[in-house]
PDB file of all heavy atoms in Angstrom:
ATOM      1  N   THR A   1     -29.705  -6.410  59.023  1.00  0.00           N
ATOM      2  CA  THR A   1     -28.871  -6.449  57.838  1.00  0.00           C
ATOM      3  C   THR A   1     -27.790  -5.389  57.879  1.00  0.00           C
ATOM      4  O   THR A   1     -27.163  -5.093  56.876  1.00  0.00           O
ATOM      5  CB  THR A   1     -29.708  -6.235  56.564  1.00  0.00           C
ATOM      6  OG1 THR A   1     -30.394  -4.991  56.665  1.00  0.00           O
ATOM      7  CG2 THR A   1     -30.697  -7.362  56.369  1.00  0.00           C
ATOM      8  N   LEU A   2     -27.559  -4.789  59.019  1.00  0.00           N
ATOM      9  CA  LEU A   2     -26.602  -3.696  59.101  1.00  0.00           C
ATOM     10  C   LEU A   2     -25.201  -4.189  58.824  1.00  0.00           C
ATOM     11  O   LEU A   2     -24.723  -5.102  59.467  1.00  0.00           O
ATOM     12  CB  LEU A   2     -26.659  -3.062  60.496  1.00  0.00           C
ATOM     13  CG  LEU A   2     -25.743  -1.850  60.697  1.00  0.00           C
ATOM     14  CD1 LEU A   2     -26.169  -0.719  59.784  1.00  0.00           C
ATOM     15  CD2 LEU A   2     -25.783  -1.393  62.136  1.00  0.00           C
ATOM     16  N   SER A   3     -24.541  -3.605  57.859  1.00  0.00           N
ATOM     17  CA  SER A   3     -23.178  -4.011  57.534  1.00  0.00           C
ATOM     18  C   SER A   3     -22.149  -3.219  58.311  1.00  0.00           C
ATOM     19  O   SER A   3     -20.956  -3.413  58.148  1.00  0.00           O
ATOM     20  CB  SER A   3     -22.920  -3.821  56.033  1.00  0.00           C
ATOM     21  OG  SER A   3     -23.081  -2.466  55.677  1.00  0.00           O
ATOM     22  N   ALA A   4     -22.605  -2.323  59.178  1.00  0.00           N
ATOM     23  CA  ALA A   4     -21.672  -1.481  59.920  1.00  0.00           C
ATOM     24  C   ALA A   4     -20.988  -2.212  61.038  1.00  0.00           C
ATOM     25  O   ALA A   4     -20.263  -1.625  61.822  1.00  0.00           O
ATOM     26  CB  ALA A   4     -22.409  -0.266  60.488  1.00  0.00           C
ATOM     27  N   CYS A   5     -21.197  -3.522  61.143  1.00  0.00           N
ATOM     28  CA  CYS A   5     -20.582  -4.275  62.226  1.00  0.00           C
ATOM     29  C   CYS A   5     -19.111  -4.537  61.961  1.00  0.00           C
ATOM     30  O   CYS A   5     -18.396  -5.013  62.835  1.00  0.00           O
ATOM     31  CB  CYS A   5     -21.302  -5.599  62.426  1.00  0.00           C
ATOM     32  SG  CYS A   5     -21.172  -6.667  60.985  1.00  0.00           S
ATOM     33  N   ALA A   6     -18.633  -4.273  60.738  1.00  0.00           N
ATOM     34  CA  ALA A   6     -17.232  -4.532  60.456  1.00  0.00           C
ATOM     35  C   ALA A   6     -16.357  -3.752  61.417  1.00  0.00           C
ATOM     36  O   ALA A   6     -16.663  -2.640  61.819  1.00  0.00           O
ATOM     37  CB  ALA A   6     -16.919  -4.110  59.019  1.00  0.00           C
ATOM     38  N   SER A   7     -15.253  -4.348  61.807  1.00  0.00           N
ATOM     39  CA  SER A   7     -14.379  -3.745  62.799  1.00  0.00           C
ATOM     40  C   SER A   7     -13.874  -2.405  62.302  1.00  0.00           C
ATOM     41  O   SER A   7     -13.488  -2.241  61.145  1.00  0.00           O
ATOM     42  CB  SER A   7     -13.197  -4.655  63.109  1.00  0.00           C
ATOM     43  OG  SER A   7     -13.655  -5.865  63.663  1.00  0.00           O
ATOM     44  N   THR A   8     -13.871  -1.436  63.187  1.00  0.00           N
ATOM     45  CA  THR A   8     -13.347  -0.114  62.895  1.00  0.00           C
ATOM     46  C   THR A   8     -12.030   0.054  63.608  1.00  0.00           C
ATOM     47  O   THR A   8     -11.946  -0.225  64.808  1.00  0.00           O
ATOM     48  CB  THR A   8     -14.331   0.969  63.385  1.00  0.00           C
ATOM     49  OG1 THR A   8     -15.575   0.771  62.714  1.00  0.00           O
ATOM     50  CG2 THR A   8     -13.797   2.361  63.094  1.00  0.00           C
ATOM     51  N   PRO A   9     -10.948   0.466  62.913  1.00  0.00           N
ATOM     52  CA  PRO A   9      -9.667   0.618  63.589  1.00  0.00           C
ATOM     53  C   PRO A   9      -9.793   1.534  64.794  1.00  0.00           C
ATOM     54  O   PRO A   9     -10.433   2.576  64.747  1.00  0.00           O
ATOM     55  CB  PRO A   9      -8.777   1.237  62.492  1.00  0.00           C
ATOM     56  CG  PRO A   9      -9.438   0.861  61.197  1.00  0.00           C
ATOM     57  CD  PRO A   9     -10.911   0.830  61.502  1.00  0.00           C
ATOM     58  N   THR A  10      -9.192   1.124  65.895  1.00  0.00           N
ATOM     59  CA  THR A  10      -9.254   1.909  67.118  1.00  0.00           C
ATOM     60  C   THR A  10      -8.274   3.059  67.034  1.00  0.00           C
ATOM     61  O   THR A  10      -7.085   2.863  66.768  1.00  0.00           O
ATOM     62  CB  THR A  10      -8.917   1.027  68.336  1.00  0.00           C
ATOM     63  OG1 THR A  10      -9.848  -0.057  68.376  1.00  0.00           O
ATOM     64  CG2 THR A  10      -8.987   1.832  69.616  1.00  0.00           C
ATOM     65  N   ARG A  11      -8.771   4.265  67.234  1.00  0.00           N
ATOM     66  CA  ARG A  11      -7.913   5.437  67.227  1.00  0.00           C
ATOM     67  C   ARG A  11      -8.095   6.192  68.526  1.00  0.00           C
ATOM     68  O   ARG A  11      -9.212   6.348  69.006  1.00  0.00           O
ATOM     69  CB  ARG A  11      -8.275   6.352  66.045  1.00  0.00           C
ATOM     70  CG  ARG A  11      -7.954   5.731  64.698  1.00  0.00           C
ATOM     71  CD  ARG A  11      -8.353   6.659  63.571  1.00  0.00           C
ATOM     72  NE  ARG A  11      -9.808   6.775  63.514  1.00  0.00           N
ATOM     73  CZ  ARG A  11     -10.452   7.516  62.625  1.00  0.00           C
ATOM     74  NH1 ARG A  11      -9.790   8.211  61.735  1.00  0.00           N
ATOM     75  NH2 ARG A  11     -11.770   7.559  62.636  1.00  0.00           N
ATOM     76  N   LYS A  12      -7.014   6.652  69.086  1.00  0.00           N
ATOM     77  CA  LYS A  12      -7.089   7.406  70.317  1.00  0.00           C
ATOM     78  C   LYS A  12      -7.763   8.744  70.049  1.00  0.00           C
ATOM     79  O   LYS A  12      -7.344   9.506  69.175  1.00  0.00           O
ATOM     80  CB  LYS A  12      -5.688   7.618  70.895  1.00  0.00           C
ATOM     81  CG  LYS A  12      -5.705   8.279  72.256  1.00  0.00           C
ATOM     82  CD  LYS A  12      -4.303   8.358  72.831  1.00  0.00           C
ATOM     83  CE  LYS A  12      -4.328   9.000  74.215  1.00  0.00           C
ATOM     84  NZ  LYS A  12      -2.958   9.086  74.792  1.00  0.00           N
ATOM     85  N   ALA A  13      -8.815   9.017  70.785  1.00  0.00           N
ATOM     86  CA  ALA A  13      -9.557  10.261  70.568  1.00  0.00           C
ATOM     87  C   ALA A  13      -8.762  11.446  71.080  1.00  0.00           C
ATOM     88  O   ALA A  13      -8.135  11.362  72.146  1.00  0.00           O
ATOM     89  CB  ALA A  13     -10.894  10.200  71.287  1.00  0.00           C
ATOM     90  N   PRO A  14      -8.764  12.537  70.337  1.00  0.00           N
ATOM     91  CA  PRO A  14      -8.084  13.736  70.821  1.00  0.00           C
ATOM     92  C   PRO A  14      -8.687  14.203  72.136  1.00  0.00           C
ATOM     93  O   PRO A  14      -9.867  14.001  72.404  1.00  0.00           O
ATOM     94  CB  PRO A  14      -8.354  14.755  69.699  1.00  0.00           C
ATOM     95  CG  PRO A  14      -8.719  13.930  68.495  1.00  0.00           C
ATOM     96  CD  PRO A  14      -9.387  12.713  69.025  1.00  0.00           C
ATOM     97  N   HIS A  15      -7.865  14.820  72.949  1.00  0.00           N
ATOM     98  CA  HIS A  15      -8.344  15.301  74.238  1.00  0.00           C
ATOM     99  C   HIS A  15      -9.382  16.400  74.038  1.00  0.00           C
ATOM    100  O   HIS A  15      -9.238  17.263  73.183  1.00  0.00           O
ATOM    101  CB  HIS A  15      -7.171  15.840  75.053  1.00  0.00           C
ATOM    102  CG  HIS A  15      -7.587  16.420  76.371  1.00  0.00           C
ATOM    103  ND1 HIS A  15      -8.033  15.642  77.412  1.00  0.00           N
ATOM    104  CD2 HIS A  15      -7.653  17.714  76.807  1.00  0.00           C
ATOM    105  CE1 HIS A  15      -8.340  16.415  78.438  1.00  0.00           C
ATOM    106  NE2 HIS A  15      -8.112  17.672  78.096  1.00  0.00           N
ATOM    107  N   VAL A  16     -10.440  16.324  74.796  1.00  0.00           N
ATOM    108  CA  VAL A  16     -11.507  17.317  74.718  1.00  0.00           C
ATOM    109  C   VAL A  16     -11.667  17.968  76.086  1.00  0.00           C
ATOM    110  O   VAL A  16     -11.849  17.277  77.090  1.00  0.00           O
ATOM    111  CB  VAL A  16     -12.855  16.684  74.299  1.00  0.00           C
ATOM    112  CG1 VAL A  16     -13.965  17.727  74.332  1.00  0.00           C
ATOM    113  CG2 VAL A  16     -12.738  16.074  72.918  1.00  0.00           C
ATOM    114  N   THR A  17     -11.559  19.257  76.123  1.00  0.00           N
ATOM    115  CA  THR A  17     -11.818  19.989  77.353  1.00  0.00           C
ATOM    116  C   THR A  17     -13.281  20.398  77.347  1.00  0.00           C
ATOM    117  O   THR A  17     -13.709  21.188  76.507  1.00  0.00           O
ATOM    118  CB  THR A  17     -10.931  21.243  77.464  1.00  0.00           C
ATOM    119  OG1 THR A  17      -9.569  20.814  77.418  1.00  0.00           O
ATOM    120  CG2 THR A  17     -11.214  21.980  78.761  1.00  0.00           C
ATOM    121  N   ALA A  18     -14.052  19.821  78.255  1.00  0.00           N
ATOM    122  CA  ALA A  18     -15.490  20.033  78.236  1.00  0.00           C
ATOM    123  C   ALA A  18     -15.885  21.242  79.059  1.00  0.00           C
ATOM    124  O   ALA A  18     -15.355  21.466  80.153  1.00  0.00           O
ATOM    125  CB  ALA A  18     -16.198  18.801  78.784  1.00  0.00           C
ATOM    126  N   PRO A  19     -16.815  22.036  78.556  1.00  0.00           N
ATOM    127  CA  PRO A  19     -17.375  23.111  79.367  1.00  0.00           C
ATOM    128  C   PRO A  19     -18.291  22.509  80.425  1.00  0.00           C
ATOM    129  O   PRO A  19     -18.578  21.313  80.386  1.00  0.00           O
ATOM    130  CB  PRO A  19     -18.171  23.919  78.335  1.00  0.00           C
ATOM    131  CG  PRO A  19     -18.560  22.922  77.303  1.00  0.00           C
ATOM    132  CD  PRO A  19     -17.426  21.950  77.232  1.00  0.00           C
ATOM    133  N   PRO A  20     -18.749  23.283  81.376  1.00  0.00           N
ATOM    134  CA  PRO A  20     -19.686  22.758  82.380  1.00  0.00           C
ATOM    135  C   PRO A  20     -20.899  22.141  81.695  1.00  0.00           C
ATOM    136  O   PRO A  20     -21.461  22.724  80.759  1.00  0.00           O
ATOM    137  CB  PRO A  20     -20.067  23.998  83.192  1.00  0.00           C
ATOM    138  CG  PRO A  20     -18.921  24.943  83.002  1.00  0.00           C
ATOM    139  CD  PRO A  20     -18.438  24.698  81.605  1.00  0.00           C
ATOM    140  N   VAL A  21     -21.287  20.948  82.153  1.00  0.00           N
ATOM    141  CA  VAL A  21     -22.406  20.262  81.497  1.00  0.00           C
ATOM    142  C   VAL A  21     -23.733  20.896  81.885  1.00  0.00           C
ATOM    143  O   VAL A  21     -23.892  21.432  82.984  1.00  0.00           O
ATOM    144  CB  VAL A  21     -22.423  18.769  81.852  1.00  0.00           C
ATOM    145  CG1 VAL A  21     -21.192  18.089  81.306  1.00  0.00           C
ATOM    146  CG2 VAL A  21     -22.533  18.560  83.350  1.00  0.00           C
ATOM    147  N   GLY A  22     -24.684  20.811  80.972  1.00  0.00           N
ATOM    148  CA  GLY A  22     -25.999  21.390  81.228  1.00  0.00           C
ATOM    149  C   GLY A  22     -27.104  20.389  80.998  1.00  0.00           C
ATOM    150  O   GLY A  22     -26.885  19.182  80.985  1.00  0.00           O
ATOM    151  N   ARG A  23     -28.325  20.896  80.768  1.00  0.00           N
ATOM    152  CA  ARG A  23     -29.494  20.047  80.597  1.00  0.00           C
ATOM    153  C   ARG A  23     -29.584  19.476  79.192  1.00  0.00           C
ATOM    154  O   ARG A  23     -30.220  18.450  78.993  1.00  0.00           O
ATOM    155  CB  ARG A  23     -30.766  20.845  80.866  1.00  0.00           C
ATOM    156  CG  ARG A  23     -30.947  21.313  82.285  1.00  0.00           C
ATOM    157  CD  ARG A  23     -32.177  22.219  82.368  1.00  0.00           C
ATOM    158  NE  ARG A  23     -33.384  21.540  81.919  1.00  0.00           N
ATOM    159  CZ  ARG A  23     -34.309  22.096  81.147  1.00  0.00           C
ATOM    160  NH1 ARG A  23     -34.155  23.324  80.683  1.00  0.00           N
ATOM    161  NH2 ARG A  23     -35.407  21.415  80.811  1.00  0.00           N
ATOM    162  N   ASN A  24     -28.999  20.166  78.211  1.00  0.00           N
ATOM    163  CA  ASN A  24     -29.154  19.720  76.832  1.00  0.00           C
ATOM    164  C   ASN A  24     -28.564  18.329  76.630  1.00  0.00           C
ATOM    165  O   ASN A  24     -27.635  17.917  77.338  1.00  0.00           O
ATOM    166  CB  ASN A  24     -28.505  20.720  75.873  1.00  0.00           C
ATOM    167  CG  ASN A  24     -29.261  22.033  75.848  1.00  0.00           C
ATOM    168  OD1 ASN A  24     -30.358  22.141  76.396  1.00  0.00           O
ATOM    169  ND2 ASN A  24     -28.676  23.047  75.228  1.00  0.00           N
ATOM    170  N   VAL A  25     -29.083  17.636  75.626  1.00  0.00           N
ATOM    171  CA  VAL A  25     -28.728  16.242  75.394  1.00  0.00           C
ATOM    172  C   VAL A  25     -28.219  16.075  73.970  1.00  0.00           C
ATOM    173  O   VAL A  25     -28.893  16.468  73.014  1.00  0.00           O
ATOM    174  CB  VAL A  25     -29.957  15.341  75.624  1.00  0.00           C
ATOM    175  CG1 VAL A  25     -29.645  13.896  75.265  1.00  0.00           C
ATOM    176  CG2 VAL A  25     -30.404  15.437  77.073  1.00  0.00           C
TER     177      VAL A  25
END
């Protein structure tokens, strides 16, 4: 019954500079 299926406007995500990845999730 999830109503969240309605289309969400596509927006370009701001650039993210990622630090070195680790074990955390």
